[in-house]
N, C-alpha and C. Protein backbone atom coordinates (compact mmCIF):
# COMPACT_ATOMS: atom_id res chain seq x y z
N MET A 1 6.51 -1.45 2.13
CA MET A 1 7.83 -1.78 1.19
C MET A 1 8.68 -0.92 1.87
N THR A 2 10.04 -1.40 2.05
CA THR A 2 11.51 -0.90 2.54
C THR A 2 11.66 0.08 0.92
N ARG A 3 12.72 0.95 1.64
CA ARG A 3 13.11 1.90 0.43
C ARG A 3 13.94 0.90 -0.01
N ASP A 4 14.82 -0.01 0.14
CA ASP A 4 15.33 -0.59 -1.11
C ASP A 4 14.22 -1.19 -2.13
N GLN A 5 13.16 -1.94 -1.58
CA GLN A 5 12.12 -2.16 -2.82
C GLN A 5 11.31 -1.02 -3.20
N VAL A 6 11.33 0.06 -2.24
CA VAL A 6 10.70 0.91 -3.40
C VAL A 6 11.33 1.40 -4.35
N LEU A 7 12.88 1.42 -4.17
CA LEU A 7 13.92 2.03 -5.30
C LEU A 7 13.81 0.88 -6.64
N GLU A 8 13.78 -0.45 -6.25
CA GLU A 8 13.58 -1.52 -7.38
C GLU A 8 12.39 -1.43 -7.80
N ALA A 9 11.58 -1.15 -7.68
CA ALA A 9 9.95 -0.88 -8.02
C ALA A 9 10.06 -0.04 -9.11
N ALA A 10 10.52 0.92 -8.89
CA ALA A 10 10.61 2.48 -9.49
C ALA A 10 11.61 2.16 -10.69
N VAL A 11 12.74 1.40 -10.61
CA VAL A 11 13.46 1.30 -11.70
C VAL A 11 12.80 0.39 -12.68
N ASN A 12 12.59 -1.08 -12.10
CA ASN A 12 11.53 -1.81 -12.65
C ASN A 12 10.22 -1.50 -13.56
N ALA A 13 9.81 -0.35 -13.01
CA ALA A 13 8.56 0.35 -13.50
C ALA A 13 9.06 1.33 -14.99
N VAL A 14 10.19 1.79 -14.87
CA VAL A 14 10.76 2.92 -15.94
C VAL A 14 11.10 1.97 -16.87
N LYS A 15 11.96 1.09 -16.40
CA LYS A 15 12.72 -0.13 -17.76
C LYS A 15 11.34 -1.06 -18.47
N TYR A 16 10.31 -1.24 -17.73
CA TYR A 16 9.03 -1.60 -18.23
C TYR A 16 8.76 -0.61 -19.16
N ALA A 17 8.20 0.54 -18.58
CA ALA A 17 7.96 1.08 -19.78
C ALA A 17 8.60 1.51 -20.70
N LYS A 18 9.80 1.72 -20.73
CA LYS A 18 10.58 1.83 -21.89
C LYS A 18 10.60 1.03 -22.81
N GLY A 19 10.07 -0.28 -22.70
CA GLY A 19 9.79 -1.54 -23.63
C GLY A 19 8.55 -1.00 -24.54
N PHE A 20 7.59 -0.06 -24.13
CA PHE A 20 6.77 0.47 -24.94
C PHE A 20 6.98 2.22 -25.47
N THR A 21 7.91 2.82 -24.65
CA THR A 21 7.51 3.97 -25.40
C THR A 21 8.72 4.72 -24.90
N GLU A 22 9.38 6.09 -25.90
CA GLU A 22 10.80 6.39 -24.94
C GLU A 22 10.37 7.66 -24.42
N ASN A 23 9.46 8.21 -23.82
CA ASN A 23 8.74 9.15 -23.33
C ASN A 23 8.25 8.53 -22.02
N VAL A 24 8.81 8.47 -21.02
CA VAL A 24 8.84 7.75 -19.56
C VAL A 24 8.27 8.74 -18.51
N GLU A 25 7.21 8.76 -18.18
CA GLU A 25 7.06 9.85 -17.02
C GLU A 25 7.03 9.25 -15.75
N PHE A 26 7.96 9.97 -15.05
CA PHE A 26 8.17 9.25 -13.11
C PHE A 26 7.25 10.10 -12.66
N SER A 27 6.21 9.21 -11.62
CA SER A 27 5.72 10.53 -10.88
C SER A 27 5.82 10.03 -9.13
N SER A 28 6.22 11.07 -8.10
CA SER A 28 6.13 10.26 -6.73
C SER A 28 4.97 10.83 -6.59
N GLU A 29 3.98 9.94 -6.23
CA GLU A 29 2.78 9.84 -5.39
C GLU A 29 2.45 10.96 -4.16
N ASP A 30 2.09 11.86 -4.06
CA ASP A 30 2.15 12.95 -2.97
C ASP A 30 3.90 12.92 -2.47
N GLY A 31 4.33 12.93 -3.54
CA GLY A 31 6.15 13.45 -3.18
C GLY A 31 6.20 14.69 -2.14
N SER A 32 5.60 15.37 -2.03
CA SER A 32 6.26 16.72 -1.09
C SER A 32 6.16 16.31 0.29
N ARG A 33 5.34 15.17 1.03
CA ARG A 33 5.22 14.36 1.83
C ARG A 33 6.82 13.20 2.32
N SER A 34 7.10 13.10 1.26
CA SER A 34 8.59 11.73 1.55
C SER A 34 9.60 12.73 2.19
N ASP A 35 10.55 11.83 2.19
CA ASP A 35 11.85 12.20 3.18
C ASP A 35 12.88 13.08 1.54
N PRO A 36 12.91 14.13 1.99
CA PRO A 36 13.43 14.83 0.67
C PRO A 36 14.88 14.15 0.08
N ASP A 37 15.60 13.56 1.21
CA ASP A 37 16.92 12.97 0.76
C ASP A 37 16.42 11.59 -0.24
N PHE A 38 15.68 10.68 -0.07
CA PHE A 38 15.09 9.83 -0.23
C PHE A 38 14.37 9.65 -1.45
N LEU A 39 13.70 10.91 -1.70
CA LEU A 39 12.60 11.29 -3.10
C LEU A 39 13.92 11.39 -4.28
N CYS A 40 15.18 12.50 -3.69
CA CYS A 40 16.21 12.36 -4.87
C CYS A 40 16.79 11.23 -5.15
N LYS A 41 16.98 9.89 -4.29
CA LYS A 41 17.52 8.96 -4.53
C LYS A 41 16.68 8.00 -5.85
N VAL A 42 15.20 8.57 -5.24
CA VAL A 42 14.36 8.15 -6.09
C VAL A 42 14.34 8.40 -7.49
N PHE A 43 14.38 9.60 -7.77
CA PHE A 43 14.37 10.52 -8.81
C PHE A 43 15.43 9.83 -9.66
N GLY A 44 16.76 9.90 -9.17
CA GLY A 44 18.12 9.51 -9.64
C GLY A 44 18.32 8.14 -10.75
N ALA A 45 17.36 7.17 -9.44
CA ALA A 45 17.15 5.73 -10.01
C ALA A 45 16.44 5.87 -11.24
N ALA A 46 15.09 6.61 -11.14
CA ALA A 46 14.56 6.70 -12.12
C ALA A 46 15.24 7.36 -13.58
N ILE A 47 15.38 8.15 -13.52
CA ILE A 47 16.25 8.92 -14.54
C ILE A 47 17.28 7.77 -15.10
N GLU A 48 18.34 7.63 -14.48
CA GLU A 48 19.51 6.48 -14.64
C GLU A 48 18.55 5.34 -15.61
N ALA A 49 17.27 4.86 -14.89
CA ALA A 49 16.66 4.01 -15.54
C ALA A 49 16.00 4.42 -16.97
N GLY A 50 15.91 5.43 -16.94
CA GLY A 50 15.17 5.58 -18.77
C GLY A 50 14.35 6.98 -18.76
N ALA A 51 13.81 7.54 -17.62
CA ALA A 51 12.29 8.38 -16.78
C ALA A 51 12.81 9.59 -17.62
N THR A 52 12.28 10.23 -19.01
CA THR A 52 12.58 11.49 -19.69
C THR A 52 11.78 12.60 -18.88
N THR A 53 10.68 12.20 -17.86
CA THR A 53 10.34 13.52 -16.97
C THR A 53 9.50 13.08 -15.61
N ILE A 54 10.46 13.71 -14.82
CA ILE A 54 9.96 13.30 -13.33
C ILE A 54 8.98 14.42 -12.97
N ASN A 55 7.79 14.12 -12.49
CA ASN A 55 7.18 14.90 -11.70
C ASN A 55 6.85 14.69 -10.30
N LEU A 56 6.61 16.20 -9.49
CA LEU A 56 6.83 16.00 -8.47
C LEU A 56 5.34 16.41 -7.82
N PRO A 57 4.33 15.93 -7.67
CA PRO A 57 3.03 16.21 -7.49
C PRO A 57 3.14 16.42 -5.76
N ASP A 58 2.11 17.13 -5.79
CA ASP A 58 1.71 17.53 -4.14
C ASP A 58 0.36 16.69 -4.19
N THR A 59 -0.33 15.82 -4.83
CA THR A 59 -1.72 15.23 -5.02
C THR A 59 -2.60 15.43 -4.09
N VAL A 60 -2.24 15.40 -2.57
CA VAL A 60 -3.51 15.93 -1.74
C VAL A 60 -3.37 17.61 -0.75
N GLY A 61 -2.51 18.07 -1.70
CA GLY A 61 -2.46 19.45 -1.44
C GLY A 61 -2.16 19.70 0.00
N TYR A 62 -1.54 18.50 0.75
CA TYR A 62 -0.08 18.63 1.96
C TYR A 62 0.43 19.59 2.23
N ALA A 63 1.48 19.72 1.18
CA ALA A 63 2.23 21.25 1.73
C ALA A 63 1.53 22.36 1.41
N MET A 64 2.86 23.24 2.55
CA MET A 64 2.27 24.61 2.20
C MET A 64 2.84 25.18 0.91
N PRO A 65 2.68 26.44 0.16
CA PRO A 65 2.82 26.86 -1.07
C PRO A 65 4.80 26.80 -0.71
N ASP A 66 4.97 27.64 0.38
CA ASP A 66 6.66 27.65 0.47
C ASP A 66 7.28 26.30 0.64
N GLU A 67 6.80 25.31 1.10
CA GLU A 67 6.97 24.03 1.29
C GLU A 67 7.35 22.99 0.11
N PHE A 68 6.41 23.72 -0.61
CA PHE A 68 6.27 22.64 -1.48
C PHE A 68 6.97 23.52 -2.97
N ALA A 69 7.17 24.66 -2.58
CA ALA A 69 8.49 25.60 -3.61
C ALA A 69 9.74 25.03 -2.94
N ALA A 70 9.89 24.86 -1.87
CA ALA A 70 11.62 24.36 -1.65
C ALA A 70 11.75 22.78 -2.43
N CYS A 71 10.65 22.23 -2.39
CA CYS A 71 10.82 20.48 -3.39
C CYS A 71 11.42 20.58 -4.27
N SER A 72 10.93 21.44 -5.54
CA SER A 72 11.41 21.66 -6.47
C SER A 72 13.15 21.78 -6.70
N PRO A 73 13.46 22.90 -6.42
CA PRO A 73 14.98 23.27 -6.26
C PRO A 73 15.48 22.06 -6.05
N ARG A 74 15.16 21.32 -5.13
CA ARG A 74 16.08 20.12 -4.50
C ARG A 74 16.09 19.07 -5.80
N ALA A 75 15.25 19.11 -6.47
CA ALA A 75 15.10 17.72 -7.72
C ALA A 75 16.10 18.55 -8.51
N LYS A 76 15.57 19.63 -8.88
CA LYS A 76 16.46 20.25 -10.17
C LYS A 76 17.88 20.10 -9.84
N GLU A 77 18.51 20.17 -8.59
CA GLU A 77 19.33 19.91 -8.24
C GLU A 77 19.65 18.35 -8.56
N HIS A 78 19.49 17.62 -8.06
CA HIS A 78 19.60 16.04 -8.35
C HIS A 78 19.57 15.81 -9.47
N ALA A 79 18.91 16.34 -10.57
CA ALA A 79 18.74 16.06 -11.72
C ALA A 79 20.23 16.02 -12.82
N GLY A 80 21.33 16.83 -11.95
CA GLY A 80 22.53 16.74 -12.63
C GLY A 80 22.40 18.54 -13.49
N ASP A 81 21.73 18.40 -14.36
CA ASP A 81 22.01 19.82 -15.16
C ASP A 81 20.87 20.77 -15.08
N GLY A 82 20.23 20.93 -13.34
CA GLY A 82 19.23 21.76 -13.39
C GLY A 82 18.00 21.83 -14.03
N SER A 83 17.90 20.69 -15.12
CA SER A 83 16.59 21.02 -16.10
C SER A 83 15.48 19.76 -15.48
N CYS A 84 15.33 19.22 -14.41
CA CYS A 84 14.43 18.49 -14.10
C CYS A 84 13.12 19.51 -13.04
N ASP A 85 12.25 19.29 -13.32
CA ASP A 85 11.20 20.19 -13.20
C ASP A 85 9.65 19.75 -12.79
N SER A 86 9.15 19.57 -12.02
CA SER A 86 7.40 19.29 -11.95
C SER A 86 6.96 19.48 -13.40
N GLN A 87 6.87 18.11 -14.26
CA GLN A 87 5.85 18.35 -15.38
C GLN A 87 6.34 18.73 -16.01
N ARG A 88 7.73 19.16 -16.42
CA ARG A 88 8.71 19.52 -17.49
C ARG A 88 9.50 18.24 -17.86
N PRO A 89 9.65 18.20 -19.22
CA PRO A 89 10.68 16.94 -19.51
C PRO A 89 11.89 17.44 -19.47
N LEU A 90 12.78 16.02 -19.09
CA LEU A 90 14.14 16.18 -19.28
C LEU A 90 14.72 16.42 -20.50
N PRO A 91 16.14 17.28 -20.97
CA PRO A 91 16.44 17.18 -22.36
C PRO A 91 16.97 15.66 -22.85
N GLN A 92 16.78 15.45 -23.86
CA GLN A 92 17.20 14.48 -24.39
C GLN A 92 18.68 14.18 -25.30
């Protein structure tokens, strides 16, 4: 998939899920290995599409603890109000 296709798929998935529930979680499968700028762009698109929880998993344990710790602040900053954290819901 191209980056544009990934963004489109993420947005479509969140919008589809919103048709069934207000609480929509978006996970970046093995997000610690993603390009950080693109990951933030995907998170922003998912939030804009209606995601209420953003998950940032290190699915296969690829990242070293300090590397993974560096991912979370960047995701928090991108959420706008600093409330986005792995496994923590966004404020309503």
